[in-house]
Amino acid sequence: MEREQDLYPPIKALFERQGYTVKGEVGAADIMAVRDGSEPVIVELKLRFSLALFHQAVARLRITDQVYLGVSKPTGRTARRALRDNLALCRRLGLGLITVRADGAVEVQCDPGPYAPRKNKAKAGRMLREFDRLQGDPNSGGATRHGIVTAYRQDALKCAAHLAEHGACKGAEVAKSTGVAEATRLMRTNHYGWFEKVEKGVYALTDAGQEGLKHWAYSWEDSELRN
């Protein structure tokens, strides 16, 4: 689809098959469909998702509860995520969503209506556990994923700092001194490449680990890991 007008014929045909009389550019609405005994339907058209499109659709809710967004179906590498995220937003706002493929096929992704999503208790539990494990407040809200201090990284920093100070140690000793119960497994897994096994149950700090301690020094201090 190259123009917004190209979305009109297939969407008009969709509602006409359902017994609606459909007209374009009625007042401020891109499409309005009317059928006896039914609330009028309004569709706002755009080639792609935008905040302005959502603003327009929300404004039309003052006229009718039956408001749809009509857009070209996203394509490309991020298409699935774009559709999923915008579909979730439509449901949150009580809006319907219609997508039109390049071949003109129309797909109703959701209809307008109230939406009460189920809470993901497992995900909430994981977040609460991460919250409890984090010491201090080492991250600025809104930071990107790169450079985020997680509870796992804090544990790794504790182990690395202990090895930097005492040299190669048994995992059990590191666990006892740092309070990181899973110290042996953490060093064995070696997610960051900071540790190396020198003999059974004994680990030392690698050059990457030394650099890691320098790079994350601000986190080590600001999150009060030493307390």
C-alpha atoms as a PDB file:
ATOM      1  CA  MET A   1       0.000   0.000   0.000  1.00  0.00           C
ATOM      2  CA  GLU A   2       1.440   3.354  -1.069  1.00  0.00           C
ATOM      3  CA  ARG A   3      -1.405   5.713  -0.103  1.00  0.00           C
ATOM      4  CA  GLU A   4      -3.937   5.870   2.708  1.00  0.00           C
ATOM      5  CA  GLN A   5      -6.664   5.878   0.058  1.00  0.00           C
ATOM      6  CA  ASP A   6      -5.549   2.390  -0.959  1.00  0.00           C
ATOM      7  CA  LEU A   7      -6.741   1.091   2.407  1.00  0.00           C
ATOM      8  CA  TYR A   8     -10.280   2.337   1.841  1.00  0.00           C
ATOM      9  CA  PRO A   9     -11.681  -0.113  -0.764  1.00  0.00           C
ATOM     10  CA  PRO A  10     -10.797  -3.361   1.051  1.00  0.00           C
ATOM     11  CA  ILE A  11     -11.980  -2.067   4.441  1.00  0.00           C
ATOM     12  CA  LYS A  12     -15.168  -0.685   2.905  1.00  0.00           C
ATOM     13  CA  ALA A  13     -15.825  -4.070   1.305  1.00  0.00           C
ATOM     14  CA  LEU A  14     -15.304  -5.782   4.674  1.00  0.00           C
ATOM     15  CA  PHE A  15     -18.083  -3.808   6.353  1.00  0.00           C
ATOM     16  CA  GLU A  16     -20.377  -3.941   3.341  1.00  0.00           C
ATOM     17  CA  ARG A  17     -20.268  -7.732   3.546  1.00  0.00           C
ATOM     18  CA  GLN A  18     -21.600  -7.324   7.077  1.00  0.00           C
ATOM     19  CA  GLY A  19     -24.564  -5.252   5.907  1.00  0.00           C
ATOM     20  CA  TYR A  20     -23.189  -1.781   6.608  1.00  0.00           C
ATOM     21  CA  THR A  21     -23.503   1.273   4.409  1.00  0.00           C
ATOM     22  CA  VAL A  22     -20.023   2.741   4.215  1.00  0.00           C
ATOM     23  CA  LYS A  23     -18.881   6.244   3.322  1.00  0.00           C
ATOM     24  CA  GLY A  24     -15.485   7.916   3.381  1.00  0.00           C
ATOM     25  CA  GLU A  25     -14.468  11.268   4.890  1.00  0.00           C
ATOM     26  CA  VAL A  26     -17.581  11.877   6.972  1.00  0.00           C
ATOM     27  CA  GLY A  27     -16.832  14.850   9.195  1.00  0.00           C
ATOM     28  CA  ALA A  28     -13.498  14.172  10.859  1.00  0.00           C
ATOM     29  CA  ALA A  29     -13.690  10.402  10.329  1.00  0.00           C
ATOM     30  CA  ASP A  30     -11.816   8.655   7.534  1.00  0.00           C
ATOM     31  CA  ILE A  31     -14.488   5.952   7.275  1.00  0.00           C
ATOM     32  CA  MET A  32     -17.962   5.719   8.770  1.00  0.00           C
ATOM     33  CA  ALA A  33     -20.161   2.628   8.519  1.00  0.00           C
ATOM     34  CA  VAL A  34     -23.849   2.556   9.523  1.00  0.00           C
ATOM     35  CA  ARG A  35     -26.242  -0.362   9.887  1.00  0.00           C
ATOM     36  CA  ASP A  36     -29.789  -0.444  11.291  1.00  0.00           C
ATOM     37  CA  GLY A  37     -29.821  -1.625  14.873  1.00  0.00           C
ATOM     38  CA  SER A  38     -26.071  -1.207  15.355  1.00  0.00           C
ATOM     39  CA  GLU A  39     -23.873   1.511  16.746  1.00  0.00           C
ATOM     40  CA  PRO A  40     -22.031   3.392  13.988  1.00  0.00           C
ATOM     41  CA  VAL A  41     -18.485   2.288  13.205  1.00  0.00           C
ATOM     42  CA  ILE A  42     -15.579   4.666  12.624  1.00  0.00           C
ATOM     43  CA  VAL A  43     -12.241   3.669  11.116  1.00  0.00           C
ATOM     44  CA  GLU A  44      -9.175   5.909  11.159  1.00  0.00           C
ATOM     45  CA  LEU A  45      -6.660   5.151   8.405  1.00  0.00           C
ATOM     46  CA  LYS A  46      -2.887   5.413   8.331  1.00  0.00           C
ATOM     47  CA  LEU A  47      -0.223   3.564   6.368  1.00  0.00           C
ATOM     48  CA  ARG A  48       1.644   2.811   9.607  1.00  0.00           C
ATOM     49  CA  PHE A  49       1.186   3.049  13.336  1.00  0.00           C
ATOM     50  CA  SER A  50       1.784   6.429  14.949  1.00  0.00           C
ATOM     51  CA  LEU A  51       0.910   8.249  18.128  1.00  0.00           C
ATOM     52  CA  ALA A  52      -1.186  10.673  16.078  1.00  0.00           C
ATOM     53  CA  LEU A  53      -3.279   7.755  14.812  1.00  0.00           C
ATOM     54  CA  PHE A  54      -4.014   6.605  18.354  1.00  0.00           C
ATOM     55  CA  HIS A  55      -4.888  10.177  19.340  1.00  0.00           C
ATOM     56  CA  GLN A  56      -7.380  10.400  16.476  1.00  0.00           C
ATOM     57  CA  ALA A  57      -8.961   7.068  17.312  1.00  0.00           C
ATOM     58  CA  VAL A  58      -9.315   7.909  21.007  1.00  0.00           C
ATOM     59  CA  ALA A  59     -10.982  11.213  20.068  1.00  0.00           C
ATOM     60  CA  ARG A  60     -13.546   9.283  17.985  1.00  0.00           C
ATOM     61  CA  LEU A  61     -14.568   7.319  21.095  1.00  0.00           C
ATOM     62  CA  ARG A  62     -16.556  10.426  22.032  1.00  0.00           C
ATOM     63  CA  ILE A  63     -18.811   9.600  19.093  1.00  0.00           C
ATOM     64  CA  THR A  64     -19.039   5.806  19.240  1.00  0.00           C
ATOM     65  CA  ASP A  65     -17.514   2.863  21.061  1.00  0.00           C
ATOM     66  CA  GLN A  66     -16.965   1.097  17.736  1.00  0.00           C
ATOM     67  CA  VAL A  67     -13.689   2.648  16.616  1.00  0.00           C
ATOM     68  CA  TYR A  68     -11.035   0.841  14.577  1.00  0.00           C
ATOM     69  CA  LEU A  69      -7.538   1.666  13.417  1.00  0.00           C
ATOM     70  CA  GLY A  70      -6.945   0.693   9.800  1.00  0.00           C
ATOM     71  CA  VAL A  71      -3.277   0.293   8.795  1.00  0.00           C
ATOM     72  CA  SER A  72      -1.088  -1.524   6.314  1.00  0.00           C
ATOM     73  CA  LYS A  73       0.115  -4.752   7.874  1.00  0.00           C
ATOM     74  CA  PRO A  74       3.711  -4.204   9.055  1.00  0.00           C
ATOM     75  CA  THR A  75       6.458  -5.995   7.148  1.00  0.00           C
ATOM     76  CA  GLY A  76      10.161  -6.487   7.711  1.00  0.00           C
ATOM     77  CA  ARG A  77      12.322  -7.684  10.572  1.00  0.00           C
ATOM     78  CA  THR A  78      10.392  -5.926  13.336  1.00  0.00           C
ATOM     79  CA  ALA A  79       6.918  -6.503  11.871  1.00  0.00           C
ATOM     80  CA  ARG A  80       5.782  -9.171  14.328  1.00  0.00           C
ATOM     81  CA  ARG A  81       6.774  -7.143  17.362  1.00  0.00           C
ATOM     82  CA  ALA A  82       5.292  -3.939  15.953  1.00  0.00           C
ATOM     83  CA  LEU A  83       1.977  -5.658  15.344  1.00  0.00           C
ATOM     84  CA  ARG A  84       1.976  -7.369  18.736  1.00  0.00           C
ATOM     85  CA  ASP A  85       2.812  -4.212  20.687  1.00  0.00           C
ATOM     86  CA  ASN A  86       0.296  -2.017  18.877  1.00  0.00           C
ATOM     87  CA  LEU A  87      -2.382  -4.695  19.122  1.00  0.00           C
ATOM     88  CA  ALA A  88      -1.866  -4.771  22.890  1.00  0.00           C
ATOM     89  CA  LEU A  89      -2.211  -0.969  23.003  1.00  0.00           C
ATOM     90  CA  CYS A  90      -5.422  -1.097  20.964  1.00  0.00           C
ATOM     91  CA  ARG A  91      -6.896  -3.606  23.389  1.00  0.00           C
ATOM     92  CA  ARG A  92      -5.874  -1.486  26.352  1.00  0.00           C
ATOM     93  CA  LEU A  93      -7.635   1.532  24.841  1.00  0.00           C
ATOM     94  CA  GLY A  94     -10.730  -0.400  23.781  1.00  0.00           C
ATOM     95  CA  LEU A  95     -10.005   0.132  20.079  1.00  0.00           C
ATOM     96  CA  GLY A  96     -10.318  -2.304  17.216  1.00  0.00           C
ATOM     97  CA  LEU A  97      -7.520  -2.987  14.742  1.00  0.00           C
ATOM     98  CA  ILE A  98      -7.763  -3.867  11.065  1.00  0.00           C
ATOM     99  CA  THR A  99      -4.683  -4.555   8.946  1.00  0.00           C
ATOM    100  CA  VAL A 100      -4.511  -4.671   5.166  1.00  0.00           C
ATOM    101  CA  ARG A 101      -1.874  -6.790   3.441  1.00  0.00           C
ATOM    102  CA  ALA A 102      -0.049  -5.746   0.302  1.00  0.00           C
ATOM    103  CA  ASP A 103      -2.328  -8.047  -1.736  1.00  0.00           C
ATOM    104  CA  GLY A 104      -5.415  -6.273  -0.367  1.00  0.00           C
ATOM    105  CA  ALA A 105      -6.434  -9.014   2.078  1.00  0.00           C
ATOM    106  CA  VAL A 106      -8.063  -7.615   5.209  1.00  0.00           C
ATOM    107  CA  GLU A 107      -7.407  -9.054   8.675  1.00  0.00           C
ATOM    108  CA  VAL A 108      -9.366  -8.004  11.754  1.00  0.00           C
ATOM    109  CA  GLN A 109      -6.787  -8.284  14.535  1.00  0.00           C
ATOM    110  CA  CYS A 110      -9.224  -7.316  17.293  1.00  0.00           C
ATOM    111  CA  ASP A 111     -12.634  -5.717  17.759  1.00  0.00           C
ATOM    112  CA  PRO A 112     -13.358  -2.732  20.022  1.00  0.00           C
ATOM    113  CA  GLY A 113     -14.344  -3.475  23.583  1.00  0.00           C
ATOM    114  CA  PRO A 114     -13.248  -3.419  27.212  1.00  0.00           C
ATOM    115  CA  TYR A 115     -10.067  -5.297  27.974  1.00  0.00           C
ATOM    116  CA  ALA A 116      -8.994  -6.805  31.296  1.00  0.00           C
ATOM    117  CA  PRO A 117      -5.613  -8.549  30.809  1.00  0.00           C
ATOM    118  CA  ARG A 118      -4.666 -11.394  33.099  1.00  0.00           C
ATOM    119  CA  LYS A 119      -1.790 -10.595  35.404  1.00  0.00           C
ATOM    120  CA  ASN A 120       1.371 -12.629  34.839  1.00  0.00           C
ATOM    121  CA  LYS A 121       2.064 -13.797  38.393  1.00  0.00           C
ATOM    122  CA  ALA A 122       5.216 -15.688  37.402  1.00  0.00           C
ATOM    123  CA  LYS A 123       6.745 -12.599  35.787  1.00  0.00           C
ATOM    124  CA  ALA A 124       5.710 -10.438  38.725  1.00  0.00           C
ATOM    125  CA  GLY A 125       7.362 -12.920  41.068  1.00  0.00           C
ATOM    126  CA  ARG A 126      10.616 -12.834  39.084  1.00  0.00           C
ATOM    127  CA  MET A 127      10.673  -9.042  39.184  1.00  0.00           C
ATOM    128  CA  LEU A 128      10.021  -8.948  42.920  1.00  0.00           C
ATOM    129  CA  ARG A 129      12.817 -11.468  43.546  1.00  0.00           C
ATOM    130  CA  GLU A 130      15.189  -9.387  41.426  1.00  0.00           C
ATOM    131  CA  PHE A 131      14.118  -6.281  43.367  1.00  0.00           C
ATOM    132  CA  ASP A 132      14.861  -7.984  46.680  1.00  0.00           C
ATOM    133  CA  ARG A 133      18.252  -9.294  45.508  1.00  0.00           C
ATOM    134  CA  LEU A 134      19.483  -5.927  44.198  1.00  0.00           C
ATOM    135  CA  GLN A 135      21.556  -4.127  46.795  1.00  0.00           C
ATOM    136  CA  GLY A 136      21.152  -0.385  46.808  1.00  0.00           C
ATOM    137  CA  ASP A 137      19.846   1.405  43.716  1.00  0.00           C
ATOM    138  CA  PRO A 138      22.660   1.005  41.143  1.00  0.00           C
ATOM    139  CA  ASN A 139      20.680   1.871  37.993  1.00  0.00           C
ATOM    140  CA  SER A 140      19.123   5.100  36.775  1.00  0.00           C
ATOM    141  CA  GLY A 141      15.524   4.586  35.686  1.00  0.00           C
ATOM    142  CA  GLY A 142      15.253   4.722  31.890  1.00  0.00           C
ATOM    143  CA  ALA A 143      18.758   3.399  31.254  1.00  0.00           C
ATOM    144  CA  THR A 144      19.228   1.080  28.286  1.00  0.00           C
ATOM    145  CA  ARG A 145      19.819  -2.636  28.758  1.00  0.00           C
ATOM    146  CA  HIS A 146      23.514  -2.096  28.051  1.00  0.00           C
ATOM    147  CA  GLY A 147      25.201  -1.431  31.345  1.00  0.00           C
ATOM    148  CA  ILE A 148      22.307  -2.470  33.577  1.00  0.00           C
ATOM    149  CA  VAL A 149      23.412  -3.770  36.967  1.00  0.00           C
ATOM    150  CA  THR A 150      21.469  -6.928  37.773  1.00  0.00           C
ATOM    151  CA  ALA A 151      21.480  -8.924  41.000  1.00  0.00           C
ATOM    152  CA  TYR A 152      23.456 -11.607  39.133  1.00  0.00           C
ATOM    153  CA  ARG A 153      26.113  -9.081  38.130  1.00  0.00           C
ATOM    154  CA  GLN A 154      26.296  -7.830  41.699  1.00  0.00           C
ATOM    155  CA  ASP A 155      26.951 -11.398  42.872  1.00  0.00           C
ATOM    156  CA  ALA A 156      29.642 -11.801  40.211  1.00  0.00           C
ATOM    157  CA  LEU A 157      31.254  -8.545  41.324  1.00  0.00           C
ATOM    158  CA  LYS A 158      31.346  -9.760  44.922  1.00  0.00           C
ATOM    159  CA  CYS A 159      33.088 -12.969  43.865  1.00  0.00           C
ATOM    160  CA  ALA A 160      35.497 -11.124  41.593  1.00  0.00           C
ATOM    161  CA  ALA A 161      36.409  -8.614  44.299  1.00  0.00           C
ATOM    162  CA  HIS A 162      37.106 -11.426  46.744  1.00  0.00           C
ATOM    163  CA  LEU A 163      39.414 -13.185  44.284  1.00  0.00           C
ATOM    164  CA  ALA A 164      41.148  -9.916  43.429  1.00  0.00           C
ATOM    165  CA  GLU A 165      41.946  -9.410  47.097  1.00  0.00           C
ATOM    166  CA  HIS A 166      42.757 -12.991  48.146  1.00  0.00           C
ATOM    167  CA  GLY A 167      43.865 -14.727  44.952  1.00  0.00           C
ATOM    168  CA  ALA A 168      42.608 -18.151  43.850  1.00  0.00           C
ATOM    169  CA  CYS A 169      40.096 -19.573  46.327  1.00  0.00           C
ATOM    170  CA  LYS A 170      37.754 -22.489  46.754  1.00  0.00           C
ATOM    171  CA  GLY A 171      34.199 -21.779  45.756  1.00  0.00           C
ATOM    172  CA  ALA A 172      32.950 -22.647  49.244  1.00  0.00           C
ATOM    173  CA  GLU A 173      35.300 -20.066  50.747  1.00  0.00           C
ATOM    174  CA  VAL A 174      34.111 -17.398  48.304  1.00  0.00           C
ATOM    175  CA  ALA A 175      30.491 -18.233  49.114  1.00  0.00           C
ATOM    176  CA  LYS A 176      31.093 -17.970  52.865  1.00  0.00           C
ATOM    177  CA  SER A 177      33.025 -14.695  52.657  1.00  0.00           C
ATOM    178  CA  THR A 178      30.767 -12.912  50.178  1.00  0.00           C
ATOM    179  CA  GLY A 179      27.374 -14.288  51.121  1.00  0.00           C
ATOM    180  CA  VAL A 180      26.816 -15.442  47.541  1.00  0.00           C
ATOM    181  CA  ALA A 181      25.386 -18.902  48.163  1.00  0.00           C
ATOM    182  CA  GLU A 182      25.739 -19.927  44.509  1.00  0.00           C
ATOM    183  CA  ALA A 183      29.308 -18.645  44.172  1.00  0.00           C
ATOM    184  CA  THR A 184      30.770 -21.953  42.975  1.00  0.00           C
ATOM    185  CA  ARG A 185      28.132 -22.419  40.291  1.00  0.00           C
ATOM    186  CA  LEU A 186      28.380 -18.765  39.256  1.00  0.00           C
ATOM    187  CA  MET A 187      32.146 -19.016  38.755  1.00  0.00           C
ATOM    188  CA  ARG A 188      31.867 -22.375  37.029  1.00  0.00           C
ATOM    189  CA  THR A 189      29.243 -21.041  34.607  1.00  0.00           C
ATOM    190  CA  ASN A 190      31.481 -17.998  34.038  1.00  0.00           C
ATOM    191  CA  HIS A 191      28.875 -15.994  32.137  1.00  0.00           C
ATOM    192  CA  TYR A 192      31.071 -12.887  31.896  1.00  0.00           C
ATOM    193  CA  GLY A 193      34.403 -14.650  31.385  1.00  0.00           C
ATOM    194  CA  TRP A 194      35.712 -13.279  34.674  1.00  0.00           C
ATOM    195  CA  PHE A 195      36.713 -16.574  36.298  1.00  0.00           C
ATOM    196  CA  GLU A 196      38.919 -19.567  35.510  1.00  0.00           C
ATOM    197  CA  LYS A 197      39.152 -22.945  37.186  1.00  0.00           C
ATOM    198  CA  VAL A 198      42.696 -23.639  38.373  1.00  0.00           C
ATOM    199  CA  GLU A 199      41.906 -26.955  40.039  1.00  0.00           C
ATOM    200  CA  LYS A 200      38.885 -28.839  41.325  1.00  0.00           C
ATOM    201  CA  GLY A 201      36.644 -26.403  43.193  1.00  0.00           C
ATOM    202  CA  VAL A 202      39.229 -23.608  43.052  1.00  0.00           C
ATOM    203  CA  TYR A 203      38.815 -20.472  40.922  1.00  0.00           C
ATOM    204  CA  ALA A 204      40.909 -17.446  40.059  1.00  0.00           C
ATOM    205  CA  LEU A 205      40.185 -14.089  38.458  1.00  0.00           C
ATOM    206  CA  THR A 206      40.950 -13.643  34.750  1.00  0.00           C
ATOM    207  CA  ASP A 207      42.226 -10.482  33.054  1.00  0.00           C
ATOM    208  CA  ALA A 208      38.660  -9.910  31.895  1.00  0.00           C
ATOM    209  CA  GLY A 209      37.574 -10.104  35.516  1.00  0.00           C
ATOM    210  CA  GLN A 210      40.110  -7.472  36.519  1.00  0.00           C
ATOM    211  CA  GLU A 211      38.812  -5.215  33.757  1.00  0.00           C
ATOM    212  CA  GLY A 212      35.261  -5.955  34.828  1.00  0.00           C
ATOM    213  CA  LEU A 213      35.981  -4.755  38.344  1.00  0.00           C
ATOM    214  CA  LYS A 214      37.426  -1.521  36.950  1.00  0.00           C
ATOM    215  CA  HIS A 215      34.540  -0.999  34.532  1.00  0.00           C
ATOM    216  CA  TRP A 216      31.879  -1.636  37.161  1.00  0.00           C
ATOM    217  CA  ALA A 217      33.686   0.176  39.971  1.00  0.00           C
ATOM    218  CA  TYR A 218      30.926   2.815  40.170  1.00  0.00           C
ATOM    219  CA  SER A 219      28.335   0.091  40.636  1.00  0.00           C
ATOM    220  CA  TRP A 220      30.462  -1.575  43.277  1.00  0.00           C
ATOM    221  CA  GLU A 221      30.586   1.640  45.286  1.00  0.00           C
ATOM    222  CA  ASP A 222      27.236   3.295  44.578  1.00  0.00           C
ATOM    223  CA  SER A 223      25.138   0.192  45.194  1.00  0.00           C
ATOM    224  CA  GLU A 224      26.861  -0.336  48.581  1.00  0.00           C
ATOM    225  CA  LEU A 225      27.969  -3.852  47.664  1.00  0.00           C
ATOM    226  CA  ARG A 226      30.626  -3.733  50.348  1.00  0.00           C
ATOM    227  CA  ASN A 227      28.023  -3.475  53.107  1.00  0.00           C
END
